[in-house]
Amino acid sequence: TTDATGATLLLVVNAFYLANQKPLDSAVVEVSTSYKG
């Protein structure tokens, strides 16, 4: 929820829990908000 500075969440990666596969090179996050729908 926004305050005077805006809003923030963390993108977290735990390397210990990565399954055996090729290394990850990026992640994509979509951030959205609305007013009056």
PDB file of all heavy atoms in Angstrom:
ATOM      1  N   THR A   1       0.847  -1.191   0.000  1.00  0.00           N
ATOM      2  CA  THR A   1       0.000   0.000   0.000  1.00  0.00           C
ATOM      3  C   THR A   1       0.880   1.237   0.000  1.00  0.00           C
ATOM      4  O   THR A   1       1.834   1.313   0.779  1.00  0.00           O
ATOM      5  CB  THR A   1      -0.923   0.007   1.236  1.00  0.00           C
ATOM      6  OG1 THR A   1      -1.705  -1.190   1.237  1.00  0.00           O
ATOM      7  CG2 THR A   1      -1.869   1.200   1.193  1.00  0.00           C
ATOM      8  N   THR A   2       0.555   2.197  -0.850  1.00  0.00           N
ATOM      9  CA  THR A   2       1.418   3.371  -0.992  1.00  0.00           C
ATOM     10  C   THR A   2       1.383   4.246   0.256  1.00  0.00           C
ATOM     11  O   THR A   2       0.354   4.398   0.909  1.00  0.00           O
ATOM     12  CB  THR A   2       1.004   4.230  -2.202  1.00  0.00           C
ATOM     13  OG1 THR A   2      -0.360   4.654  -2.037  1.00  0.00           O
ATOM     14  CG2 THR A   2       1.141   3.455  -3.498  1.00  0.00           C
ATOM     15  N   ASP A   3       2.567   4.815   0.554  1.00  0.00           N
ATOM     16  CA  ASP A   3       2.671   5.855   1.569  1.00  0.00           C
ATOM     17  C   ASP A   3       3.276   7.087   0.897  1.00  0.00           C
ATOM     18  O   ASP A   3       3.207   7.233  -0.327  1.00  0.00           O
ATOM     19  CB  ASP A   3       3.491   5.384   2.773  1.00  0.00           C
ATOM     20  CG  ASP A   3       4.895   4.916   2.375  1.00  0.00           C
ATOM     21  OD1 ASP A   3       5.371   5.270   1.272  1.00  0.00           O
ATOM     22  OD2 ASP A   3       5.533   4.210   3.183  1.00  0.00           O
ATOM     23  N   ALA A   4       3.879   7.960   1.670  1.00  0.00           N
ATOM     24  CA  ALA A   4       4.417   9.192   1.090  1.00  0.00           C
ATOM     25  C   ALA A   4       5.547   8.932   0.101  1.00  0.00           C
ATOM     26  O   ALA A   4       5.832   9.778  -0.754  1.00  0.00           O
ATOM     27  CB  ALA A   4       4.905  10.112   2.206  1.00  0.00           C
ATOM     28  N   THR A   5       6.198   7.771   0.190  1.00  0.00           N
ATOM     29  CA  THR A   5       7.305   7.459  -0.714  1.00  0.00           C
ATOM     30  C   THR A   5       6.904   6.522  -1.848  1.00  0.00           C
ATOM     31  O   THR A   5       7.691   6.283  -2.757  1.00  0.00           O
ATOM     32  CB  THR A   5       8.471   6.811   0.060  1.00  0.00           C
ATOM     33  OG1 THR A   5       8.035   5.578   0.641  1.00  0.00           O
ATOM     34  CG2 THR A   5       8.962   7.734   1.160  1.00  0.00           C
ATOM     35  N   GLY A   6       5.716   5.964  -1.806  1.00  0.00           N
ATOM     36  CA  GLY A   6       5.272   5.032  -2.837  1.00  0.00           C
ATOM     37  C   GLY A   6       5.056   3.652  -2.263  1.00  0.00           C
ATOM     38  O   GLY A   6       4.595   3.500  -1.121  1.00  0.00           O
ATOM     39  N   ALA A   7       5.400   2.621  -3.044  1.00  0.00           N
ATOM     40  CA  ALA A   7       5.245   1.230  -2.604  1.00  0.00           C
ATOM     41  C   ALA A   7       6.488   0.441  -2.989  1.00  0.00           C
ATOM     42  O   ALA A   7       7.152   0.768  -3.983  1.00  0.00           O
ATOM     43  CB  ALA A   7       4.002   0.607  -3.234  1.00  0.00           C
ATOM     44  N   THR A   8       6.777  -0.608  -2.224  1.00  0.00           N
ATOM     45  CA  THR A   8       7.972  -1.415  -2.478  1.00  0.00           C
ATOM     46  C   THR A   8       7.750  -2.858  -2.050  1.00  0.00           C
ATOM     47  O   THR A   8       7.261  -3.113  -0.946  1.00  0.00           O
ATOM     48  CB  THR A   8       9.195  -0.881  -1.709  1.00  0.00           C
ATOM     49  OG1 THR A   8       9.420   0.482  -2.054  1.00  0.00           O
ATOM     50  CG2 THR A   8      10.446  -1.683  -2.054  1.00  0.00           C
ATOM     51  N   LEU A   9       8.103  -3.787  -2.935  1.00  0.00           N
ATOM     52  CA  LEU A   9       8.268  -5.183  -2.555  1.00  0.00           C
ATOM     53  C   LEU A   9       9.653  -5.632  -3.005  1.00  0.00           C
ATOM     54  O   LEU A   9      10.268  -4.997  -3.866  1.00  0.00           O
ATOM     55  CB  LEU A   9       7.202  -6.081  -3.195  1.00  0.00           C
ATOM     56  CG  LEU A   9       5.806  -6.084  -2.573  1.00  0.00           C
ATOM     57  CD1 LEU A   9       4.929  -7.152  -3.236  1.00  0.00           C
ATOM     58  CD2 LEU A   9       5.833  -6.293  -1.071  1.00  0.00           C
ATOM     59  N   LEU A  10      10.127  -6.717  -2.427  1.00  0.00           N
ATOM     60  CA  LEU A  10      11.413  -7.284  -2.807  1.00  0.00           C
ATOM     61  C   LEU A  10      11.219  -8.433  -3.787  1.00  0.00           C
ATOM     62  O   LEU A  10      10.277  -9.216  -3.657  1.00  0.00           O
ATOM     63  CB  LEU A  10      12.148  -7.817  -1.574  1.00  0.00           C
ATOM     64  CG  LEU A  10      12.477  -6.835  -0.449  1.00  0.00           C
ATOM     65  CD1 LEU A  10      13.114  -7.593   0.712  1.00  0.00           C
ATOM     66  CD2 LEU A  10      13.387  -5.731  -0.932  1.00  0.00           C
ATOM     67  N   LEU A  11      12.119  -8.514  -4.764  1.00  0.00           N
ATOM     68  CA  LEU A  11      12.254  -9.731  -5.547  1.00  0.00           C
ATOM     69  C   LEU A  11      13.365 -10.526  -4.879  1.00  0.00           C
ATOM     70  O   LEU A  11      14.478 -10.022  -4.705  1.00  0.00           O
ATOM     71  CB  LEU A  11      12.608  -9.426  -7.000  1.00  0.00           C
ATOM     72  CG  LEU A  11      12.832 -10.664  -7.875  1.00  0.00           C
ATOM     73  CD1 LEU A  11      11.540 -11.449  -8.046  1.00  0.00           C
ATOM     74  CD2 LEU A  11      13.406 -10.276  -9.227  1.00  0.00           C
ATOM     75  N   VAL A  12      13.054 -11.766  -4.489  1.00  0.00           N
ATOM     76  CA  VAL A  12      13.989 -12.585  -3.717  1.00  0.00           C
ATOM     77  C   VAL A  12      14.325 -13.848  -4.499  1.00  0.00           C
ATOM     78  O   VAL A  12      13.449 -14.485  -5.085  1.00  0.00           O
ATOM     79  CB  VAL A  12      13.384 -12.972  -2.348  1.00  0.00           C
ATOM     80  CG1 VAL A  12      14.377 -13.805  -1.540  1.00  0.00           C
ATOM     81  CG2 VAL A  12      12.974 -11.722  -1.571  1.00  0.00           C
ATOM     82  N   VAL A  13      15.615 -14.204  -4.523  1.00  0.00           N
ATOM     83  CA  VAL A  13      16.071 -15.460  -5.105  1.00  0.00           C
ATOM     84  C   VAL A  13      16.869 -16.200  -4.045  1.00  0.00           C
ATOM     85  O   VAL A  13      17.774 -15.641  -3.433  1.00  0.00           O
ATOM     86  CB  VAL A  13      16.946 -15.231  -6.350  1.00  0.00           C
ATOM     87  CG1 VAL A  13      17.557 -16.558  -6.819  1.00  0.00           C
ATOM     88  CG2 VAL A  13      16.129 -14.611  -7.471  1.00  0.00           C
ATOM     89  N   ASN A  14      16.509 -17.449  -3.804  1.00  0.00           N
ATOM     90  CA  ASN A  14      17.270 -18.300  -2.896  1.00  0.00           C
ATOM     91  C   ASN A  14      17.980 -19.356  -3.738  1.00  0.00           C
ATOM     92  O   ASN A  14      17.374 -20.318  -4.214  1.00  0.00           O
ATOM     93  CB  ASN A  14      16.350 -18.960  -1.869  1.00  0.00           C
ATOM     94  CG  ASN A  14      17.132 -19.622  -0.749  1.00  0.00           C
ATOM     95  OD1 ASN A  14      18.177 -20.222  -0.978  1.00  0.00           O
ATOM     96  ND2 ASN A  14      16.620 -19.507   0.472  1.00  0.00           N
ATOM     97  N   ALA A  15      19.280 -19.166  -3.933  1.00  0.00           N
ATOM     98  CA  ALA A  15      20.056 -20.060  -4.800  1.00  0.00           C
ATOM     99  C   ALA A  15      20.068 -21.492  -4.276  1.00  0.00           C
ATOM    100  O   ALA A  15      20.164 -22.445  -5.057  1.00  0.00           O
ATOM    101  CB  ALA A  15      21.485 -19.541  -4.926  1.00  0.00           C
ATOM    102  N   PHE A  16      19.945 -21.665  -2.969  1.00  0.00           N
ATOM    103  CA  PHE A  16      19.969 -23.008  -2.379  1.00  0.00           C
ATOM    104  C   PHE A  16      18.763 -23.832  -2.831  1.00  0.00           C
ATOM    105  O   PHE A  16      18.843 -25.064  -2.906  1.00  0.00           O
ATOM    106  CB  PHE A  16      19.975 -22.893  -0.856  1.00  0.00           C
ATOM    107  CG  PHE A  16      20.068 -24.208  -0.139  1.00  0.00           C
ATOM    108  CD1 PHE A  16      21.281 -24.866  -0.014  1.00  0.00           C
ATOM    109  CD2 PHE A  16      18.929 -24.791   0.421  1.00  0.00           C
ATOM    110  CE1 PHE A  16      21.361 -26.086   0.653  1.00  0.00           C
ATOM    111  CE2 PHE A  16      19.010 -26.003   1.087  1.00  0.00           C
ATOM    112  CZ  PHE A  16      20.226 -26.643   1.201  1.00  0.00           C
ATOM    113  N   TYR A  17      17.632 -23.157  -3.124  1.00  0.00           N
ATOM    114  CA  TYR A  17      16.413 -23.866  -3.483  1.00  0.00           C
ATOM    115  C   TYR A  17      16.214 -24.009  -4.992  1.00  0.00           C
ATOM    116  O   TYR A  17      15.199 -24.541  -5.430  1.00  0.00           O
ATOM    117  CB  TYR A  17      15.196 -23.154  -2.885  1.00  0.00           C
ATOM    118  CG  TYR A  17      15.087 -23.302  -1.391  1.00  0.00           C
ATOM    119  CD1 TYR A  17      14.572 -22.272  -0.613  1.00  0.00           C
ATOM    120  CD2 TYR A  17      15.495 -24.464  -0.757  1.00  0.00           C
ATOM    121  CE1 TYR A  17      14.464 -22.403   0.764  1.00  0.00           C
ATOM    122  CE2 TYR A  17      15.398 -24.603   0.621  1.00  0.00           C
ATOM    123  CZ  TYR A  17      14.877 -23.565   1.379  1.00  0.00           C
ATOM    124  OH  TYR A  17      14.780 -23.712   2.734  1.00  0.00           O
ATOM    125  N   LEU A  18      17.153 -23.513  -5.797  1.00  0.00           N
ATOM    126  CA  LEU A  18      17.025 -23.672  -7.247  1.00  0.00           C
ATOM    127  C   LEU A  18      17.173 -25.138  -7.617  1.00  0.00           C
ATOM    128  O   LEU A  18      18.106 -25.818  -7.186  1.00  0.00           O
ATOM    129  CB  LEU A  18      18.091 -22.845  -7.963  1.00  0.00           C
ATOM    130  CG  LEU A  18      17.892 -21.324  -7.972  1.00  0.00           C
ATOM    131  CD1 LEU A  18      19.136 -20.654  -8.510  1.00  0.00           C
ATOM    132  CD2 LEU A  18      16.669 -20.941  -8.785  1.00  0.00           C
ATOM    133  N   ALA A  19      16.257 -25.628  -8.453  1.00  0.00           N
ATOM    134  CA  ALA A  19      16.365 -27.000  -8.934  1.00  0.00           C
ATOM    135  C   ALA A  19      17.498 -27.095  -9.943  1.00  0.00           C
ATOM    136  O   ALA A  19      17.978 -26.082 -10.467  1.00  0.00           O
ATOM    137  CB  ALA A  19      15.044 -27.434  -9.566  1.00  0.00           C
ATOM    138  N   ASN A  20      17.958 -28.305 -10.221  1.00  0.00           N
ATOM    139  CA  ASN A  20      19.058 -28.506 -11.162  1.00  0.00           C
ATOM    140  C   ASN A  20      18.621 -28.141 -12.577  1.00  0.00           C
ATOM    141  O   ASN A  20      17.887 -28.872 -13.227  1.00  0.00           O
ATOM    142  CB  ASN A  20      19.527 -29.968 -11.129  1.00  0.00           C
ATOM    143  CG  ASN A  20      20.181 -30.304  -9.804  1.00  0.00           C
ATOM    144  OD1 ASN A  20      20.610 -29.411  -9.081  1.00  0.00           O
ATOM    145  ND2 ASN A  20      20.254 -31.579  -9.488  1.00  0.00           N
ATOM    146  N   GLN A  21      19.053 -27.008 -13.027  1.00  0.00           N
ATOM    147  CA  GLN A  21      18.734 -26.550 -14.364  1.00  0.00           C
ATOM    148  C   GLN A  21      19.720 -25.436 -14.721  1.00  0.00           C
ATOM    149  O   GLN A  21      20.587 -25.095 -13.945  1.00  0.00           O
ATOM    150  CB  GLN A  21      17.301 -26.050 -14.444  1.00  0.00           C
ATOM    151  CG  GLN A  21      17.023 -24.837 -13.530  1.00  0.00           C
ATOM    152  CD  GLN A  21      15.622 -24.313 -13.704  1.00  0.00           C
ATOM    153  OE1 GLN A  21      14.660 -25.035 -13.565  1.00  0.00           O
ATOM    154  NE2 GLN A  21      15.504 -23.060 -14.016  1.00  0.00           N
ATOM    155  N   LYS A  22      19.558 -24.886 -15.912  1.00  0.00           N
ATOM    156  CA  LYS A  22      20.480 -23.832 -16.332  1.00  0.00           C
ATOM    157  C   LYS A  22      20.338 -22.615 -15.425  1.00  0.00           C
ATOM    158  O   LYS A  22      19.265 -22.353 -14.876  1.00  0.00           O
ATOM    159  CB  LYS A  22      20.219 -23.444 -17.779  1.00  0.00           C
ATOM    160  CG  LYS A  22      18.866 -22.793 -18.011  1.00  0.00           C
ATOM    161  CD  LYS A  22      18.702 -22.419 -19.480  1.00  0.00           C
ATOM    162  CE  LYS A  22      17.355 -21.716 -19.710  1.00  0.00           C
ATOM    163  NZ  LYS A  22      17.184 -21.334 -21.125  1.00  0.00           N
ATOM    164  N   PRO A  23      21.406 -21.842 -15.252  1.00  0.00           N
ATOM    165  CA  PRO A  23      21.352 -20.673 -14.384  1.00  0.00           C
ATOM    166  C   PRO A  23      20.305 -19.657 -14.850  1.00  0.00           C
ATOM    167  O   PRO A  23      20.092 -19.473 -16.037  1.00  0.00           O
ATOM    168  CB  PRO A  23      22.770 -20.093 -14.479  1.00  0.00           C
ATOM    169  CG  PRO A  23      23.615 -21.242 -14.901  1.00  0.00           C
ATOM    170  CD  PRO A  23      22.752 -22.072 -15.791  1.00  0.00           C
ATOM    171  N   LEU A  24      19.658 -19.027 -13.898  1.00  0.00           N
ATOM    172  CA  LEU A  24      18.671 -17.996 -14.188  1.00  0.00           C
ATOM    173  C   LEU A  24      19.373 -16.698 -14.580  1.00  0.00           C
ATOM    174  O   LEU A  24      20.371 -16.326 -13.992  1.00  0.00           O
ATOM    175  CB  LEU A  24      17.822 -17.762 -12.939  1.00  0.00           C
ATOM    176  CG  LEU A  24      16.750 -16.684 -12.989  1.00  0.00           C
ATOM    177  CD1 LEU A  24      15.643 -17.096 -13.944  1.00  0.00           C
ATOM    178  CD2 LEU A  24      16.169 -16.465 -11.595  1.00  0.00           C
ATOM    179  N   ASP A  25      18.863 -16.001 -15.615  1.00  0.00           N
ATOM    180  CA  ASP A  25      19.508 -14.750 -16.012  1.00  0.00           C
ATOM    181  C   ASP A  25      18.633 -13.527 -15.778  1.00  0.00           C
ATOM    182  O   ASP A  25      19.120 -12.405 -15.754  1.00  0.00           O
ATOM    183  CB  ASP A  25      19.955 -14.810 -17.476  1.00  0.00           C
ATOM    184  CG  ASP A  25      18.789 -15.044 -18.433  1.00  0.00           C
ATOM    185  OD1 ASP A  25      17.633 -15.120 -17.950  1.00  0.00           O
ATOM    186  OD2 ASP A  25      19.030 -15.147 -19.638  1.00  0.00           O
ATOM    187  N   SER A  26      17.328 -13.705 -15.573  1.00  0.00           N
ATOM    188  CA  SER A  26      16.467 -12.557 -15.299  1.00  0.00           C
ATOM    189  C   SER A  26      15.100 -13.027 -14.798  1.00  0.00           C
ATOM    190  O   SER A  26      14.722 -14.187 -14.957  1.00  0.00           O
ATOM    191  CB  SER A  26      16.275 -11.697 -16.558  1.00  0.00           C
ATOM    192  OG  SER A  26      15.533 -12.408 -17.537  1.00  0.00           O
ATOM    193  N   ALA A  27      14.398 -12.094 -14.200  1.00  0.00           N
ATOM    194  CA  ALA A  27      13.005 -12.325 -13.807  1.00  0.00           C
ATOM    195  C   ALA A  27      12.209 -11.104 -14.238  1.00  0.00           C
ATOM    196  O   ALA A  27      12.743  -9.987 -14.287  1.00  0.00           O
ATOM    197  CB  ALA A  27      12.896 -12.533 -12.308  1.00  0.00           C
ATOM    198  N   VAL A  28      10.934 -11.302 -14.557  1.00  0.00           N
ATOM    199  CA  VAL A  28      10.078 -10.210 -15.017  1.00  0.00           C
ATOM    200  C   VAL A  28       8.916 -10.049 -14.042  1.00  0.00           C
ATOM    201  O   VAL A  28       8.222 -11.018 -13.717  1.00  0.00           O
ATOM    202  CB  VAL A  28       9.546 -10.476 -16.439  1.00  0.00           C
ATOM    203  CG1 VAL A  28       8.665  -9.305 -16.895  1.00  0.00           C
ATOM    204  CG2 VAL A  28      10.697 -10.682 -17.402  1.00  0.00           C
ATOM    205  N   VAL A  29       8.735  -8.823 -13.571  1.00  0.00           N
ATOM    206  CA  VAL A  29       7.676  -8.523 -12.608  1.00  0.00           C
ATOM    207  C   VAL A  29       6.767  -7.442 -13.184  1.00  0.00           C
ATOM    208  O   VAL A  29       7.241  -6.448 -13.738  1.00  0.00           O
ATOM    209  CB  VAL A  29       8.271  -8.050 -11.269  1.00  0.00           C
ATOM    210  CG1 VAL A  29       7.154  -7.698 -10.282  1.00  0.00           C
ATOM    211  CG2 VAL A  29       9.183  -9.119 -10.681  1.00  0.00           C
ATOM    212  N   GLU A  30       5.464  -7.644 -13.047  1.00  0.00           N
ATOM    213  CA  GLU A  30       4.482  -6.643 -13.464  1.00  0.00           C
ATOM    214  C   GLU A  30       3.897  -5.978 -12.222  1.00  0.00           C
ATOM    215  O   GLU A  30       3.486  -6.662 -11.281  1.00  0.00           O
ATOM    216  CB  GLU A  30       3.364  -7.301 -14.269  1.00  0.00           C
ATOM    217  CG  GLU A  30       2.326  -6.309 -14.796  1.00  0.00           C
ATOM    218  CD  GLU A  30       1.228  -7.008 -15.569  1.00  0.00           C
ATOM    219  OE1 GLU A  30       0.257  -7.468 -14.928  1.00  0.00           O
ATOM    220  OE2 GLU A  30       1.348  -7.124 -16.807  1.00  0.00           O
ATOM    221  N   VAL A  31       3.878  -4.647 -12.226  1.00  0.00           N
ATOM    222  CA  VAL A  31       3.378  -3.888 -11.076  1.00  0.00           C
ATOM    223  C   VAL A  31       2.228  -2.999 -11.567  1.00  0.00           C
ATOM    224  O   VAL A  31       2.362  -2.298 -12.572  1.00  0.00           O
ATOM    225  CB  VAL A  31       4.486  -3.017 -10.454  1.00  0.00           C
ATOM    226  CG1 VAL A  31       4.025  -2.452  -9.116  1.00  0.00           C
ATOM    227  CG2 VAL A  31       5.769  -3.810 -10.277  1.00  0.00           C
ATOM    228  N   SER A  32       1.098  -3.020 -10.856  1.00  0.00           N
ATOM    229  CA  SER A  32      -0.079  -2.282 -11.338  1.00  0.00           C
ATOM    230  C   SER A  32      -0.858  -1.655 -10.186  1.00  0.00           C
ATOM    231  O   SER A  32      -0.785  -2.099  -9.038  1.00  0.00           O
ATOM    232  CB  SER A  32      -0.997  -3.222 -12.119  1.00  0.00           C
ATOM    233  OG  SER A  32      -1.456  -4.276 -11.294  1.00  0.00           O
ATOM    234  N   THR A  33      -1.625  -0.624 -10.525  1.00  0.00           N
ATOM    235  CA  THR A  33      -2.548  -0.003  -9.582  1.00  0.00           C
ATOM    236  C   THR A  33      -3.654   0.664 -10.371  1.00  0.00           C
ATOM    237  O   THR A  33      -3.539   0.881 -11.584  1.00  0.00           O
ATOM    238  CB  THR A  33      -1.830   1.004  -8.670  1.00  0.00           C
ATOM    239  OG1 THR A  33      -2.698   1.356  -7.586  1.00  0.00           O
ATOM    240  CG2 THR A  33      -1.443   2.268  -9.423  1.00  0.00           C
ATOM    241  N   SER A  34      -4.750   1.018  -9.671  1.00  0.00           N
ATOM    242  CA  SER A  34      -5.896   1.620 -10.359  1.00  0.00           C
ATOM    243  C   SER A  34      -6.634   2.574  -9.433  1.00  0.00           C
ATOM    244  O   SER A  34      -6.454   2.549  -8.215  1.00  0.00           O
ATOM    245  CB  SER A  34      -6.854   0.522 -10.847  1.00  0.00           C
ATOM    246  OG  SER A  34      -7.381  -0.195  -9.739  1.00  0.00           O
ATOM    247  N   TYR A  35      -7.474   3.390 -10.035  1.00  0.00           N
ATOM    248  CA  TYR A  35      -8.355   4.295  -9.303  1.00  0.00           C
ATOM    249  C   TYR A  35      -9.700   4.322 -10.026  1.00  0.00           C
ATOM    250  O   TYR A  35      -9.746   4.438 -11.244  1.00  0.00           O
ATOM    251  CB  TYR A  35      -7.745   5.702  -9.217  1.00  0.00           C
ATOM    252  CG  TYR A  35      -8.667   6.736  -8.623  1.00  0.00           C
ATOM    253  CD1 TYR A  35      -9.303   6.519  -7.409  1.00  0.00           C
ATOM    254  CD2 TYR A  35      -8.904   7.940  -9.285  1.00  0.00           C
ATOM    255  CE1 TYR A  35     -10.151   7.465  -6.861  1.00  0.00           C
ATOM    256  CE2 TYR A  35      -9.744   8.897  -8.741  1.00  0.00           C
ATOM    257  CZ  TYR A  35     -10.369   8.669  -7.536  1.00  0.00           C
ATOM    258  OH  TYR A  35     -11.216   9.600  -6.995  1.00  0.00           O
ATOM    259  N   LYS A  36     -10.771   4.167  -9.280  1.00  0.00           N
ATOM    260  CA  LYS A  36     -12.120   4.058  -9.837  1.00  0.00           C
ATOM    261  C   LYS A  36     -12.226   2.895 -10.815  1.00  0.00           C
ATOM    262  O   LYS A  36     -12.981   2.940 -11.780  1.00  0.00           O
ATOM    263  CB  LYS A  36     -12.543   5.369 -10.511  1.00  0.00           C
ATOM    264  CG  LYS A  36     -12.727   6.531  -9.555  1.00  0.00           C
ATOM    265  CD  LYS A  36     -13.285   7.758 -10.268  1.00  0.00           C
ATOM    266  CE  LYS A  36     -13.539   8.900  -9.316  1.00  0.00           C
ATOM    267  NZ  LYS A  36     -14.086  10.101 -10.014  1.00  0.00           N
ATOM    268  N   GLY A  37     -11.439   1.851 -10.573  1.00  0.00           N
ATOM    269  CA  GLY A  37     -11.491   0.677 -11.421  1.00  0.00           C
ATOM    270  C   GLY A  37     -10.746   0.792 -12.724  1.00  0.00           C
ATOM    271  O   GLY A  37     -10.795  -0.114 -13.560  1.00  0.00           O
TER     272      GLY A  37
END
